[in-house]
C-alpha atoms as a PDB file:
ATOM      1  CA  UNK A   1      16.531 100.971  67.652  1.00  0.00           C
ATOM      2  CA  UNK A   2      14.266 103.590  66.189  1.00  0.00           C
ATOM      3  CA  UNK A   3      10.622 104.571  66.235  1.00  0.00           C
ATOM      4  CA  UNK A   4       9.539 106.391  63.028  1.00  0.00           C
ATOM      5  CA  UNK A   5       6.387 107.565  61.915  1.00  0.00           C
ATOM      6  CA  UNK A   6       5.619 104.521  60.081  1.00  0.00           C
ATOM      7  CA  UNK A   7       7.486 101.806  61.686  1.00  0.00           C
ATOM      8  CA  UNK A   8      10.154 100.647  64.421  1.00  0.00           C
ATOM      9  CA  UNK A   9      13.482  99.999  63.097  1.00  0.00           C
ATOM     10  CA  UNK A  10      16.188  98.155  64.655  1.00  0.00           C
ATOM     11  CA  UNK A  11      19.613  98.233  63.697  1.00  0.00           C
ATOM     12  CA  UNK A  12      22.546  95.822  65.374  1.00  0.00           C
ATOM     13  CA  UNK A  13      26.201  94.331  64.806  1.00  0.00           C
ATOM     14  CA  UNK A  14      26.721  90.971  66.218  1.00  0.00           C
ATOM     15  CA  UNK A  15      30.185  90.364  67.219  1.00  0.00           C
ATOM     16  CA  UNK A  16      31.464  86.893  67.123  1.00  0.00           C
ATOM     17  CA  UNK A  17      33.551  84.556  65.647  1.00  0.00           C
ATOM     18  CA  UNK A  18      33.050  80.508  64.807  1.00  0.00           C
ATOM     19  CA  UNK A  19      34.753  78.310  66.905  1.00  0.00           C
ATOM     20  CA  UNK A  20      37.202  75.749  65.284  1.00  0.00           C
ATOM     21  CA  UNK A  21      35.048  73.239  65.799  1.00  0.00           C
ATOM     22  CA  UNK A  22      31.794  74.400  63.733  1.00  0.00           C
ATOM     23  CA  UNK A  23      34.527  76.023  61.053  1.00  0.00           C
ATOM     24  CA  UNK A  24      35.842  72.582  60.570  1.00  0.00           C
ATOM     25  CA  UNK A  25      32.224  71.494  59.990  1.00  0.00           C
ATOM     26  CA  UNK A  26      31.282  74.208  57.692  1.00  0.00           C
ATOM     27  CA  UNK A  27      34.730  73.232  55.550  1.00  0.00           C
ATOM     28  CA  UNK A  28      33.682  69.901  55.495  1.00  0.00           C
ATOM     29  CA  UNK A  29      30.248  70.502  54.158  1.00  0.00           C
ATOM     30  CA  UNK A  30      27.808  71.093  56.921  1.00  0.00           C
ATOM     31  CA  UNK A  31      25.501  73.983  56.295  1.00  0.00           C
ATOM     32  CA  UNK A  32      25.153  76.144  59.402  1.00  0.00           C
ATOM     33  CA  UNK A  33      21.596  78.098  59.690  1.00  0.00           C
ATOM     34  CA  UNK A  34      21.671  81.506  61.795  1.00  0.00           C
ATOM     35  CA  UNK A  35      18.616  83.240  63.031  1.00  0.00           C
ATOM     36  CA  UNK A  36      17.979  86.987  64.227  1.00  0.00           C
ATOM     37  CA  UNK A  37      15.072  87.224  66.193  1.00  0.00           C
ATOM     38  CA  UNK A  38      13.169  90.701  67.606  1.00  0.00           C
ATOM     39  CA  UNK A  39      10.235  90.800  69.686  1.00  0.00           C
ATOM     40  CA  UNK A  40       8.603  94.084  70.776  1.00  0.00           C
ATOM     41  CA  UNK A  41       6.844  94.232  74.000  1.00  0.00           C
ATOM     42  CA  UNK A  42       4.691  96.540  75.526  1.00  0.00           C
ATOM     43  CA  UNK A  43       5.396  97.121  79.326  1.00  0.00           C
ATOM     44  CA  UNK A  44       2.271  96.820  81.642  1.00  0.00           C
ATOM     45  CA  UNK A  45       2.462  96.934  85.589  1.00  0.00           C
ATOM     46  CA  UNK A  46      -0.806  95.316  86.151  1.00  0.00           C
ATOM     47  CA  UNK A  47      -0.271  91.883  83.859  1.00  0.00           C
ATOM     48  CA  UNK A  48       2.448  90.215  81.991  1.00  0.00           C
ATOM     49  CA  UNK A  49       3.992  92.316  79.148  1.00  0.00           C
ATOM     50  CA  UNK A  50       2.151  92.150  75.961  1.00  0.00           C
ATOM     51  CA  UNK A  51       3.855  90.673  72.902  1.00  0.00           C
ATOM     52  CA  UNK A  52       2.947  93.790  70.105  1.00  0.00           C
ATOM     53  CA  UNK A  53       5.559  92.158  67.299  1.00  0.00           C
ATOM     54  CA  UNK A  54       7.828  89.684  66.263  1.00  0.00           C
ATOM     55  CA  UNK A  55      10.410  89.683  63.762  1.00  0.00           C
ATOM     56  CA  UNK A  56      12.657  86.719  62.097  1.00  0.00           C
ATOM     57  CA  UNK A  57      15.709  86.740  59.911  1.00  0.00           C
ATOM     58  CA  UNK A  58      17.438  83.599  58.799  1.00  0.00           C
ATOM     59  CA  UNK A  59      20.260  82.844  56.806  1.00  0.00           C
ATOM     60  CA  UNK A  60      22.197  79.645  55.729  1.00  0.00           C
ATOM     61  CA  UNK A  61      25.873  79.774  55.105  1.00  0.00           C
ATOM     62  CA  UNK A  62      27.773  77.024  53.311  1.00  0.00           C
ATOM     63  CA  UNK A  63      30.938  76.319  51.669  1.00  0.00           C
ATOM     64  CA  UNK A  64      31.580  75.567  48.318  1.00  0.00           C
ATOM     65  CA  UNK A  65      34.778  73.389  47.870  1.00  0.00           C
ATOM     66  CA  UNK A  66      35.120  73.568  43.975  1.00  0.00           C
ATOM     67  CA  UNK A  67      35.181  77.225  43.927  1.00  0.00           C
ATOM     68  CA  UNK A  68      36.545  77.509  47.207  1.00  0.00           C
ATOM     69  CA  UNK A  69      33.978  80.086  48.071  1.00  0.00           C
ATOM     70  CA  UNK A  70      31.212  80.795  50.650  1.00  0.00           C
ATOM     71  CA  UNK A  71      27.564  81.313  50.193  1.00  0.00           C
ATOM     72  CA  UNK A  72      24.882  83.153  52.233  1.00  0.00           C
ATOM     73  CA  UNK A  73      21.436  82.386  51.693  1.00  0.00           C
ATOM     74  CA  UNK A  74      18.585  84.508  53.128  1.00  0.00           C
ATOM     75  CA  UNK A  75      14.908  83.865  51.774  1.00  0.00           C
ATOM     76  CA  UNK A  76      15.380  83.261  47.762  1.00  0.00           C
ATOM     77  CA  UNK A  77      18.628  85.049  47.819  1.00  0.00           C
ATOM     78  CA  UNK A  78      22.235  84.006  47.517  1.00  0.00           C
ATOM     79  CA  UNK A  79      25.185  85.658  47.797  1.00  0.00           C
ATOM     80  CA  UNK A  80      28.627  84.331  47.018  1.00  0.00           C
ATOM     81  CA  UNK A  81      32.104  85.101  49.291  1.00  0.00           C
ATOM     82  CA  UNK A  82      35.616  84.642  48.914  1.00  0.00           C
ATOM     83  CA  UNK A  83      36.687  84.608  52.741  1.00  0.00           C
ATOM     84  CA  UNK A  84      34.817  83.364  55.534  1.00  0.00           C
ATOM     85  CA  UNK A  85      34.896  86.662  57.336  1.00  0.00           C
ATOM     86  CA  UNK A  86      33.096  88.593  54.477  1.00  0.00           C
ATOM     87  CA  UNK A  87      30.585  86.047  54.446  1.00  0.00           C
ATOM     88  CA  UNK A  88      30.086  86.595  58.433  1.00  0.00           C
ATOM     89  CA  UNK A  89      29.937  90.267  58.209  1.00  0.00           C
ATOM     90  CA  UNK A  90      27.290  89.951  55.734  1.00  0.00           C
ATOM     91  CA  UNK A  91      25.497  88.312  58.752  1.00  0.00           C
ATOM     92  CA  UNK A  92      26.706  90.020  61.423  1.00  0.00           C
ATOM     93  CA  UNK A  93      25.075  93.400  60.658  1.00  0.00           C
ATOM     94  CA  UNK A  94      21.664  95.046  60.057  1.00  0.00           C
ATOM     95  CA  UNK A  95      20.555  98.376  59.757  1.00  0.00           C
ATOM     96  CA  UNK A  96      17.229 100.020  59.810  1.00  0.00           C
ATOM     97  CA  UNK A  97      15.521  96.347  60.064  1.00  0.00           C
ATOM     98  CA  UNK A  98      11.300  96.858  60.021  1.00  0.00           C
ATOM     99  CA  UNK A  99      10.331  94.858  63.512  1.00  0.00           C
ATOM    100  CA  UNK A 100       7.025  96.657  63.547  1.00  0.00           C
ATOM    101  CA  UNK A 101       4.634  98.939  62.176  1.00  0.00           C
ATOM    102  CA  UNK A 102       3.759 102.528  63.959  1.00  0.00           C
ATOM    103  CA  UNK A 103      -0.059 101.580  63.710  1.00  0.00           C
ATOM    104  CA  UNK A 104       0.860  98.740  66.054  1.00  0.00           C
ATOM    105  CA  UNK A 105       2.069 100.889  68.931  1.00  0.00           C
ATOM    106  CA  UNK A 106       0.179 103.382  71.652  1.00  0.00           C
ATOM    107  CA  UNK A 107       1.610 106.685  71.921  1.00  0.00           C
ATOM    108  CA  UNK A 108       1.774 107.059  75.915  1.00  0.00           C
ATOM    109  CA  UNK A 109       2.805 103.255  76.243  1.00  0.00           C
ATOM    110  CA  UNK A 110       6.526 101.943  77.140  1.00  0.00           C
ATOM    111  CA  UNK A 111       7.807  99.306  74.695  1.00  0.00           C
ATOM    112  CA  UNK A 112      11.192  97.312  74.934  1.00  0.00           C
ATOM    113  CA  UNK A 113      12.822  95.129  72.294  1.00  0.00           C
ATOM    114  CA  UNK A 114      14.381  91.761  73.137  1.00  0.00           C
ATOM    115  CA  UNK A 115      16.871  90.702  70.319  1.00  0.00           C
ATOM    116  CA  UNK A 116      18.765  87.236  69.660  1.00  0.00           C
ATOM    117  CA  UNK A 117      20.795  86.154  67.126  1.00  0.00           C
ATOM    118  CA  UNK A 118      21.896  82.656  67.403  1.00  0.00           C
ATOM    119  CA  UNK A 119      23.365  79.367  65.587  1.00  0.00           C
ATOM    120  CA  UNK A 120      20.308  77.209  64.961  1.00  0.00           C
ATOM    121  CA  UNK A 121      21.580  73.810  65.804  1.00  0.00           C
ATOM    122  CA  UNK A 122      18.337  72.158  65.296  1.00  0.00           C
ATOM    123  CA  UNK A 123      18.642  72.870  61.558  1.00  0.00           C
ATOM    124  CA  UNK A 124      22.118  70.483  61.435  1.00  0.00           C
ATOM    125  CA  UNK A 125      21.865  66.849  60.367  1.00  0.00           C
ATOM    126  CA  UNK A 126      20.359  64.815  62.810  1.00  0.00           C
ATOM    127  CA  UNK A 127      23.536  62.756  63.721  1.00  0.00           C
ATOM    128  CA  UNK A 128      25.217  65.940  64.445  1.00  0.00           C
ATOM    129  CA  UNK A 129      22.855  67.140  66.783  1.00  0.00           C
ATOM    130  CA  UNK A 130      23.157  64.074  68.848  1.00  0.00           C
ATOM    131  CA  UNK A 131      26.973  64.570  68.728  1.00  0.00           C
ATOM    132  CA  UNK A 132      27.214  68.148  70.025  1.00  0.00           C
ATOM    133  CA  UNK A 133      24.896  67.764  72.898  1.00  0.00           C
ATOM    134  CA  UNK A 134      27.239  68.538  75.457  1.00  0.00           C
ATOM    135  CA  UNK A 135      29.171  70.941  72.905  1.00  0.00           C
ATOM    136  CA  UNK A 136      29.658  74.657  74.342  1.00  0.00           C
ATOM    137  CA  UNK A 137      31.471  75.944  71.146  1.00  0.00           C
ATOM    138  CA  UNK A 138      28.132  75.026  69.207  1.00  0.00           C
ATOM    139  CA  UNK A 139      25.572  76.996  71.690  1.00  0.00           C
ATOM    140  CA  UNK A 140      26.514  80.471  69.644  1.00  0.00           C
ATOM    141  CA  UNK A 141      24.072  83.277  70.702  1.00  0.00           C
ATOM    142  CA  UNK A 142      23.961  86.950  71.697  1.00  0.00           C
ATOM    143  CA  UNK A 143      21.089  88.157  73.568  1.00  0.00           C
ATOM    144  CA  UNK A 144      19.934  91.947  74.535  1.00  0.00           C
ATOM    145  CA  UNK A 145      17.051  94.309  75.558  1.00  0.00           C
ATOM    146  CA  UNK A 146      16.476  97.538  74.627  1.00  0.00           C
ATOM    147  CA  UNK A 147      14.184  99.872  75.231  1.00  0.00           C
ATOM    148  CA  UNK A 148      12.071 102.058  72.703  1.00  0.00           C
ATOM    149  CA  UNK A 149      12.785 105.511  73.148  1.00  0.00           C
END
């Protein structure tokens, strides 16, 4: 995480592999939704820490059986990949992601970022949400907290 003159920028690499049951669902046409969330907090000793900014990125990963390609969509943009590894790599890494404006920060305060990357199971079809209730393979998430220097 870097604090520059005009923004707070976050770079990350989320190392994960899809469990076999999740990959199997993807191969059978179930779209998977991933999200990265960063929240910037100001540390305060006298009260609860103050949330200064929130930033969220979302991806939709699908398998196209006719072309045997994987498609990653974010916002209105879609990109095709020949292998699952390439598609996952496009989501695993982000560099210089702007999570806050520098104008939101006070010069003498301490800040930290709470970062989370996860598979959003609430976007799965409703029958699957019920069926995966107790399976740990579907609870794919990475969380980390880091101080702003």
